[in-house]
């Protein structure tokens, strides 16, 4: 905050709040606000009826409450005082920001992520351990899929997705973040929502799954993995496409060394796909950061010249999507370390053939 000339940090709903103080606020019309001055103690302003959900941590913050009928904006602005600059949570409801700017006309507002993102990007050993445990859990689920232990043919995508979601919870995750089950031509849509399409023999199925598992102090850390299977032997052109994808993903992981700019990691994976003639079908970045949120900084994308440092955690997930025909993606979570890239997912990267 001192480096960026920020007098006070204001954090409402979103991942910054539990990361900073261990409390995850409900996204309500009632204001919750963590107030962190550059100098002095942090205070957490919460609706009175939400106070029982807060684990009191007097070494971290002082909790203050407000009741229905009181004006939380007036209370918050009074606690902030005459701050010249304030960094406010990126996910704060727009209505609260509008009201705060009216109540604090002398304050210049900026994004809290300018303060928190550089800190959250670099995971310590405890955070990496939490990510590793979450990754190992989803590895077990998709290893079962690769082994043919999850029935696919004749079932709807939605039914399979529901089974996978339950397995995510059974493996110790607190919540399910997503279960993409995309069969046949549906796999050409990167964020396909599982629907009533029946999975058939002779086609591929893309699985992209993840959830949130509690780590230290009850703060959740995320898993995210993508693997593809094929019901029966794949046609030669799809097998060729997948081999290119496999090579591209491996190239991206290998490039993810400390000191390498994020955009160069993206380029390493993209070059393999471009050289094989599939470049137009790779329609997204190579990866995203992961931690308390499934998608956070740093992004592995063209234009991001941020060099990787030890502790950066991110996905490497190139994809090839041919509209109306098929698609495939291959994803691991990787941590940059001084000893080299450390993939957290370890199950087979090949195109599994299931009965």
Protein backbone atom coordinates (compact mmCIF):
# COMPACT_ATOMS: atom_id res chain seq x y z
CA UNK A 1 0.00 0.00 0.00
CA UNK A 2 2.85 2.36 0.82
CA UNK A 3 4.56 1.60 -2.50
CA UNK A 4 1.37 2.40 -4.40
CA UNK A 5 0.31 5.38 -2.33
CA UNK A 6 -2.87 3.75 -1.02
CA UNK A 7 -4.18 4.98 2.32
CA UNK A 8 -6.81 2.30 2.93
CA UNK A 9 -7.80 -1.07 1.52
CA UNK A 10 -11.54 -1.83 1.39
CA UNK A 11 -12.48 -5.46 0.78
CA UNK A 12 -16.05 -6.72 0.47
CA UNK A 13 -17.25 -9.99 -1.11
CA UNK A 14 -14.82 -12.03 -3.17
CA UNK A 15 -11.74 -14.15 -2.59
CA UNK A 16 -9.56 -11.37 -1.15
CA UNK A 17 -11.67 -11.34 2.02
CA UNK A 18 -11.14 -14.96 3.18
CA UNK A 19 -7.55 -14.84 1.99
CA UNK A 20 -6.86 -11.84 4.23
CA UNK A 21 -8.94 -12.62 7.30
CA UNK A 22 -10.41 -16.13 7.00
CA UNK A 23 -14.04 -15.03 6.62
CA UNK A 24 -16.04 -15.71 3.45
CA UNK A 25 -18.97 -13.30 3.24
CA UNK A 26 -22.27 -14.16 1.63
CA UNK A 27 -22.96 -11.99 -1.45
CA UNK A 28 -25.82 -10.08 0.15
CA UNK A 29 -27.44 -6.69 -0.28
CA UNK A 30 -26.14 -6.02 3.25
CA UNK A 31 -22.64 -4.56 3.24
CA UNK A 32 -19.66 -6.50 4.59
CA UNK A 33 -16.40 -4.55 4.49
CA UNK A 34 -12.88 -5.22 5.73
CA UNK A 35 -11.14 -1.89 6.32
CA UNK A 36 -7.34 -2.07 6.33
CA UNK A 37 -5.60 1.29 6.81
CA UNK A 38 -1.99 1.69 5.75
CA UNK A 39 -1.22 2.33 9.41
CA UNK A 40 -3.33 1.03 12.27
CA UNK A 41 -5.53 -1.98 12.90
CA UNK A 42 -7.90 -3.72 10.49
CA UNK A 43 -11.63 -3.66 11.22
CA UNK A 44 -14.31 -5.93 9.79
CA UNK A 45 -17.75 -4.38 9.45
CA UNK A 46 -20.45 -7.06 9.14
CA UNK A 47 -24.26 -7.19 9.31
CA UNK A 48 -25.29 -8.11 12.86
CA UNK A 49 -27.19 -11.19 11.70
CA UNK A 50 -24.05 -12.47 9.96
CA UNK A 51 -21.79 -12.05 13.01
CA UNK A 52 -22.29 -15.66 14.25
CA UNK A 53 -20.62 -16.88 11.03
CA UNK A 54 -17.45 -14.91 11.71
CA UNK A 55 -14.60 -16.65 13.50
CA UNK A 56 -13.35 -13.88 15.76
CA UNK A 57 -9.64 -13.30 15.25
CA UNK A 58 -8.65 -10.31 17.39
CA UNK A 59 -5.02 -10.73 16.33
CA UNK A 60 -6.12 -10.06 12.73
CA UNK A 61 -9.09 -7.69 12.92
CA UNK A 62 -11.60 -6.00 15.20
CA UNK A 63 -15.17 -6.99 14.33
CA UNK A 64 -17.85 -4.30 14.25
CA UNK A 65 -21.51 -4.90 13.42
CA UNK A 66 -24.40 -2.92 12.03
CA UNK A 67 -28.13 -3.65 12.33
CA UNK A 68 -30.95 -3.36 9.83
CA UNK A 69 -32.13 0.24 9.88
CA UNK A 70 -28.62 1.64 10.28
CA UNK A 71 -26.67 3.13 7.37
CA UNK A 72 -23.61 0.91 6.75
CA UNK A 73 -22.20 3.33 4.17
CA UNK A 74 -22.14 6.11 6.74
CA UNK A 75 -20.55 3.77 9.27
CA UNK A 76 -17.94 2.61 6.79
CA UNK A 77 -17.02 6.09 5.60
CA UNK A 78 -16.75 7.22 9.21
CA UNK A 79 -14.35 4.38 9.98
CA UNK A 80 -12.27 5.18 6.92
CA UNK A 81 -12.01 8.86 7.73
CA UNK A 82 -10.25 11.35 5.48
CA UNK A 83 -8.46 8.91 3.21
CA UNK A 84 -7.03 10.50 0.08
CA UNK A 85 -6.79 7.18 -1.75
CA UNK A 86 -8.66 3.89 -1.31
CA UNK A 87 -8.21 0.55 -3.07
CA UNK A 88 -11.57 -1.23 -3.19
CA UNK A 89 -12.22 -4.91 -3.86
CA UNK A 90 -12.68 -5.68 -7.54
CA UNK A 91 -15.79 -7.77 -6.79
CA UNK A 92 -17.47 -5.22 -4.53
CA UNK A 93 -21.05 -4.66 -5.68
CA UNK A 94 -21.28 -1.60 -7.92
CA UNK A 95 -24.08 -0.16 -5.77
CA UNK A 96 -21.82 -0.10 -2.70
CA UNK A 97 -19.02 1.55 -4.67
CA UNK A 98 -21.37 4.24 -5.99
CA UNK A 99 -22.60 4.95 -2.47
CA UNK A 100 -19.08 5.02 -1.02
CA UNK A 101 -17.84 7.43 -3.68
CA UNK A 102 -20.74 9.74 -2.81
CA UNK A 103 -20.01 9.48 0.92
CA UNK A 104 -16.25 9.97 0.37
CA UNK A 105 -16.03 12.70 -2.30
CA UNK A 106 -12.45 13.56 -1.44
CA UNK A 107 -11.19 10.01 -1.95
CA UNK A 108 -9.68 8.65 -5.17
CA UNK A 109 -10.58 4.99 -5.68
CA UNK A 110 -8.52 2.28 -7.38
CA UNK A 111 -8.67 -1.51 -7.65
CA UNK A 112 -7.73 -3.59 -4.62
CA UNK A 113 -6.21 -6.18 -6.95
CA UNK A 114 -3.34 -3.77 -7.52
CA UNK A 115 -2.46 -4.49 -3.89
CA UNK A 116 -3.64 -8.06 -3.38
CA UNK A 117 -2.93 -9.79 -6.71
CA UNK A 118 0.89 -9.53 -6.48
CA UNK A 119 0.69 -11.01 -2.98
CA UNK A 120 -1.82 -13.76 -3.76
CA UNK A 121 0.05 -14.80 -6.91
CA UNK A 122 3.04 -16.08 -4.96
CA UNK A 123 2.02 -19.15 -2.96
CA UNK A 124 3.89 -20.19 0.16
CA UNK A 125 4.57 -23.81 1.07
CA UNK A 126 1.29 -24.17 2.96
CA UNK A 127 -0.71 -22.91 0.00
CA UNK A 128 1.13 -25.17 -2.44
CA UNK A 129 0.42 -28.12 -0.17
CA UNK A 130 -3.29 -27.23 -0.19
CA UNK A 131 -3.27 -27.02 -4.00
CA UNK A 132 -1.42 -30.34 -4.22
CA UNK A 133 -3.97 -32.12 -2.01
CA UNK A 134 -6.84 -30.75 -4.10
CA UNK A 135 -5.08 -31.77 -7.33
CA UNK A 136 -4.42 -35.29 -6.05
CA UNK A 137 -8.11 -35.67 -5.19
CA UNK A 138 -9.34 -34.84 -8.70
CA UNK A 139 -6.57 -36.98 -10.18
CA UNK A 140 -8.20 -39.97 -8.52
CA UNK A 141 -11.57 -39.13 -10.05
CA UNK A 142 -10.38 -38.81 -13.63
CA UNK A 143 -8.05 -41.79 -13.27
CA UNK A 144 -11.22 -43.78 -12.61
CA UNK A 145 -12.76 -42.32 -15.76
CA UNK A 146 -9.64 -43.22 -17.78
CA UNK A 147 -9.78 -46.77 -16.40
CA UNK A 148 -13.37 -47.17 -17.62
CA UNK A 149 -14.79 -47.31 -14.11
CA UNK A 150 -17.37 -44.58 -14.80
CA UNK A 151 -20.17 -45.63 -17.16
CA UNK A 152 -20.45 -43.26 -20.13
CA UNK A 153 -22.16 -44.77 -23.19
CA UNK A 154 -25.93 -44.42 -23.12
CA UNK A 155 -25.92 -41.83 -20.31
CA UNK A 156 -26.53 -38.13 -20.63
CA UNK A 157 -23.74 -35.65 -20.10
CA UNK A 158 -25.76 -34.21 -17.21
CA UNK A 159 -26.03 -37.58 -15.46
CA UNK A 160 -22.29 -38.19 -15.74
CA UNK A 161 -21.56 -34.64 -14.56
CA UNK A 162 -23.75 -35.17 -11.50
CA UNK A 163 -21.83 -38.34 -10.63
CA UNK A 164 -18.51 -36.54 -11.05
CA UNK A 165 -19.73 -33.66 -8.86
CA UNK A 166 -20.61 -36.07 -6.08
CA UNK A 167 -17.20 -37.70 -6.38
CA UNK A 168 -15.54 -34.26 -6.04
CA UNK A 169 -17.35 -33.82 -2.71
CA UNK A 170 -16.61 -37.40 -1.66
CA UNK A 171 -12.91 -36.73 -2.26
CA UNK A 172 -12.94 -34.00 0.38
CA UNK A 173 -13.75 -30.83 -1.51
CA UNK A 174 -16.00 -28.35 0.26
CA UNK A 175 -17.77 -27.38 -2.94
CA UNK A 176 -17.91 -28.14 -6.64
CA UNK A 177 -16.80 -25.30 -8.88
CA UNK A 178 -17.53 -26.88 -12.28
CA UNK A 179 -18.01 -30.22 -14.02
CA UNK A 180 -17.66 -29.89 -17.77
CA UNK A 181 -18.64 -33.12 -19.51
CA UNK A 182 -18.64 -32.46 -23.25
CA UNK A 183 -19.22 -35.29 -25.72
CA UNK A 184 -18.73 -35.45 -29.47
CA UNK A 185 -19.21 -32.06 -31.15
CA UNK A 186 -20.06 -30.45 -27.79
CA UNK A 187 -16.38 -30.68 -26.89
CA UNK A 188 -15.74 -27.93 -29.47
CA UNK A 189 -17.27 -25.47 -26.96
CA UNK A 190 -14.57 -24.79 -24.33
CA UNK A 191 -17.05 -23.99 -21.53
CA UNK A 192 -19.82 -26.38 -22.55
CA UNK A 193 -22.51 -26.97 -19.92
CA UNK A 194 -23.41 -30.64 -19.55
CA UNK A 195 -26.89 -31.20 -20.94
CA UNK A 196 -29.26 -33.94 -22.05
CA UNK A 197 -27.15 -35.15 -24.97
CA UNK A 198 -26.62 -38.91 -24.74
CA UNK A 199 -22.97 -40.02 -24.91
CA UNK A 200 -22.45 -42.56 -27.68
CA UNK A 201 -19.86 -45.14 -28.65
CA UNK A 202 -17.32 -43.95 -31.18
CA UNK A 203 -16.90 -40.41 -29.88
CA UNK A 204 -14.69 -38.47 -27.52
CA UNK A 205 -15.63 -36.98 -24.16
CA UNK A 206 -13.85 -34.02 -22.56
CA UNK A 207 -13.82 -33.77 -18.75
CA UNK A 208 -12.83 -30.47 -17.11
CA UNK A 209 -13.54 -30.59 -13.38
CA UNK A 210 -12.64 -28.71 -10.24
CA UNK A 211 -13.70 -27.73 -6.77
CA UNK A 212 -12.57 -25.99 -3.61
CA UNK A 213 -10.91 -27.88 -0.76
CA UNK A 214 -10.26 -26.32 2.63
CA UNK A 215 -6.62 -25.58 3.40
CA UNK A 216 -5.01 -23.89 6.37
CA UNK A 217 -7.28 -21.73 8.56
CA UNK A 218 -10.32 -22.94 6.63
CA UNK A 219 -9.39 -20.94 3.52
CA UNK A 220 -10.30 -22.91 0.40
CA UNK A 221 -7.89 -23.72 -2.43
CA UNK A 222 -8.99 -24.92 -5.85
CA UNK A 223 -8.46 -27.89 -8.12
CA UNK A 224 -8.73 -27.85 -11.92
CA UNK A 225 -7.90 -30.64 -14.35
CA UNK A 226 -8.86 -31.62 -17.90
CA UNK A 227 -8.55 -35.01 -19.56
CA UNK A 228 -10.17 -36.59 -22.62
CA UNK A 229 -11.28 -40.15 -23.29
CA UNK A 230 -12.60 -41.85 -26.40
CA UNK A 231 -15.30 -44.52 -26.47
CA UNK A 232 -13.64 -47.11 -28.68
CA UNK A 233 -10.65 -46.60 -30.96
CA UNK A 234 -10.49 -43.00 -32.16
CA UNK A 235 -10.40 -42.11 -35.86
CA UNK A 236 -6.92 -41.34 -37.10
CA UNK A 237 -7.52 -37.62 -37.57
CA UNK A 238 -8.75 -37.19 -34.00
CA UNK A 239 -5.85 -39.26 -32.67
CA UNK A 240 -3.47 -37.02 -34.64
CA UNK A 241 -5.10 -33.88 -33.25
CA UNK A 242 -4.74 -35.21 -29.72
CA UNK A 243 -1.07 -36.06 -30.18
CA UNK A 244 -0.43 -32.47 -31.24
CA UNK A 245 -2.30 -31.29 -28.15
CA UNK A 246 -0.29 -33.65 -25.95
CA UNK A 247 2.98 -32.28 -27.34
CA UNK A 248 1.80 -28.68 -26.93
CA UNK A 249 0.84 -29.19 -23.30
CA UNK A 250 4.18 -30.79 -22.51
CA UNK A 251 5.97 -27.89 -24.21
CA UNK A 252 4.01 -25.40 -22.12
CA UNK A 253 4.88 -27.18 -18.88
CA UNK A 254 8.56 -27.44 -19.81
CA UNK A 255 8.70 -23.72 -20.61
CA UNK A 256 7.23 -22.68 -17.24
CA UNK A 257 10.55 -21.97 -15.56
CA UNK A 258 11.36 -19.21 -13.08
CA UNK A 259 12.27 -16.02 -14.95
CA UNK A 260 10.33 -16.92 -18.11
CA UNK A 261 7.67 -14.34 -19.06
CA UNK A 262 4.13 -15.70 -18.95
CA UNK A 263 3.62 -14.83 -22.62
CA UNK A 264 6.61 -17.00 -23.58
CA UNK A 265 5.04 -20.00 -21.87
CA UNK A 266 1.88 -19.35 -23.88
CA UNK A 267 3.97 -19.08 -27.03
CA UNK A 268 5.74 -22.40 -26.38
CA UNK A 269 2.45 -24.31 -26.31
CA UNK A 270 0.89 -22.30 -29.13
CA UNK A 271 3.84 -22.82 -31.48
CA UNK A 272 3.33 -26.60 -31.51
CA UNK A 273 -0.33 -26.20 -32.41
CA UNK A 274 0.37 -23.52 -35.00
CA UNK A 275 3.09 -25.61 -36.68
CA UNK A 276 0.71 -28.56 -36.95
CA UNK A 277 -1.88 -26.42 -38.75
CA UNK A 278 -4.42 -26.21 -35.92
CA UNK A 279 -3.66 -22.64 -34.81
CA UNK A 280 -7.08 -21.20 -35.71
CA UNK A 281 -8.70 -23.80 -33.43
CA UNK A 282 -6.77 -22.80 -30.29
CA UNK A 283 -9.03 -19.98 -29.17
CA UNK A 284 -8.01 -19.14 -25.60
CA UNK A 285 -4.98 -18.43 -23.42
CA UNK A 286 -2.71 -21.30 -22.42
CA UNK A 287 -3.44 -20.93 -18.72
CA UNK A 288 -4.59 -18.98 -15.69
CA UNK A 289 -3.43 -18.62 -12.13
CA UNK A 290 -5.12 -20.66 -9.42
CA UNK A 291 -5.38 -20.49 -5.65
CA UNK A 292 -8.26 -19.26 -3.53
CA UNK A 293 -10.04 -18.73 -6.86
CA UNK A 294 -10.15 -21.14 -9.77
CA UNK A 295 -9.10 -18.26 -12.04
CA UNK A 296 -6.70 -15.65 -10.68
CA UNK A 297 -3.35 -14.12 -11.60
CA UNK A 298 -0.98 -14.74 -13.30
CA UNK A 299 -2.51 -15.39 -16.71
CA UNK A 300 -0.42 -17.40 -19.16
CA UNK A 301 -1.32 -15.34 -22.19
CA UNK A 302 0.16 -13.24 -24.97
CA UNK A 303 0.78 -9.70 -23.78
CA UNK A 304 1.61 -10.67 -20.18
CA UNK A 305 5.34 -10.07 -19.84
CA UNK A 306 5.39 -10.82 -16.10
CA UNK A 307 8.29 -13.21 -15.39
CA UNK A 308 7.39 -16.33 -13.43
CA UNK A 309 8.73 -16.50 -9.88
CA UNK A 310 8.92 -19.40 -7.47
CA UNK A 311 5.46 -19.90 -5.98
CA UNK A 312 3.42 -18.90 -9.00
CA UNK A 313 0.68 -21.52 -9.51
CA UNK A 314 -1.18 -21.76 -12.81
CA UNK A 315 -2.78 -24.08 -15.34
CA UNK A 316 -1.23 -25.22 -18.60
CA UNK A 317 -4.24 -26.14 -20.76
CA UNK A 318 -3.98 -25.79 -24.53
CA UNK A 319 -7.04 -26.87 -26.49
CA UNK A 320 -8.04 -27.57 -30.07
CA UNK A 321 -11.69 -27.05 -31.01
CA UNK A 322 -13.11 -27.84 -34.43
CA UNK A 323 -16.66 -26.39 -34.55
CA UNK A 324 -19.40 -28.89 -35.19
CA UNK A 325 -16.99 -31.82 -35.14
CA UNK A 326 -14.99 -32.34 -31.94
CA UNK A 327 -12.63 -30.75 -29.45
CA UNK A 328 -9.94 -31.65 -26.93
CA UNK A 329 -8.10 -29.98 -24.05
CA UNK A 330 -5.35 -31.19 -21.73
CA UNK A 331 -4.71 -29.45 -18.41
CA UNK A 332 -2.44 -29.70 -15.40
CA UNK A 333 -1.87 -27.30 -12.55
CA UNK A 334 1.81 -26.34 -12.34
CA UNK A 335 3.85 -24.51 -9.70
CA UNK A 336 6.99 -22.63 -10.73
CA UNK A 337 9.93 -23.55 -8.49
CA UNK A 338 13.65 -22.84 -8.49
CA UNK A 339 14.16 -26.52 -9.33
CA UNK A 340 11.89 -26.31 -12.36
CA UNK A 341 8.16 -26.65 -13.15
CA UNK A 342 6.30 -28.80 -10.59
CA UNK A 343 3.10 -30.30 -12.07
CA UNK A 344 0.53 -31.11 -9.40
CA UNK A 345 -1.52 -33.47 -11.61
CA UNK A 346 0.09 -36.78 -12.49
CA UNK A 347 -2.44 -39.09 -14.16
CA UNK A 348 -2.00 -40.31 -17.73
CA UNK A 349 -1.89 -37.52 -20.33
CA UNK A 350 -2.70 -39.79 -23.25
CA UNK A 351 -6.08 -40.19 -24.91
CA UNK A 352 -7.61 -43.02 -22.89
CA UNK A 353 -9.72 -45.51 -24.86
CA UNK A 354 -12.66 -46.78 -22.81
CA UNK A 355 -15.30 -49.40 -23.57
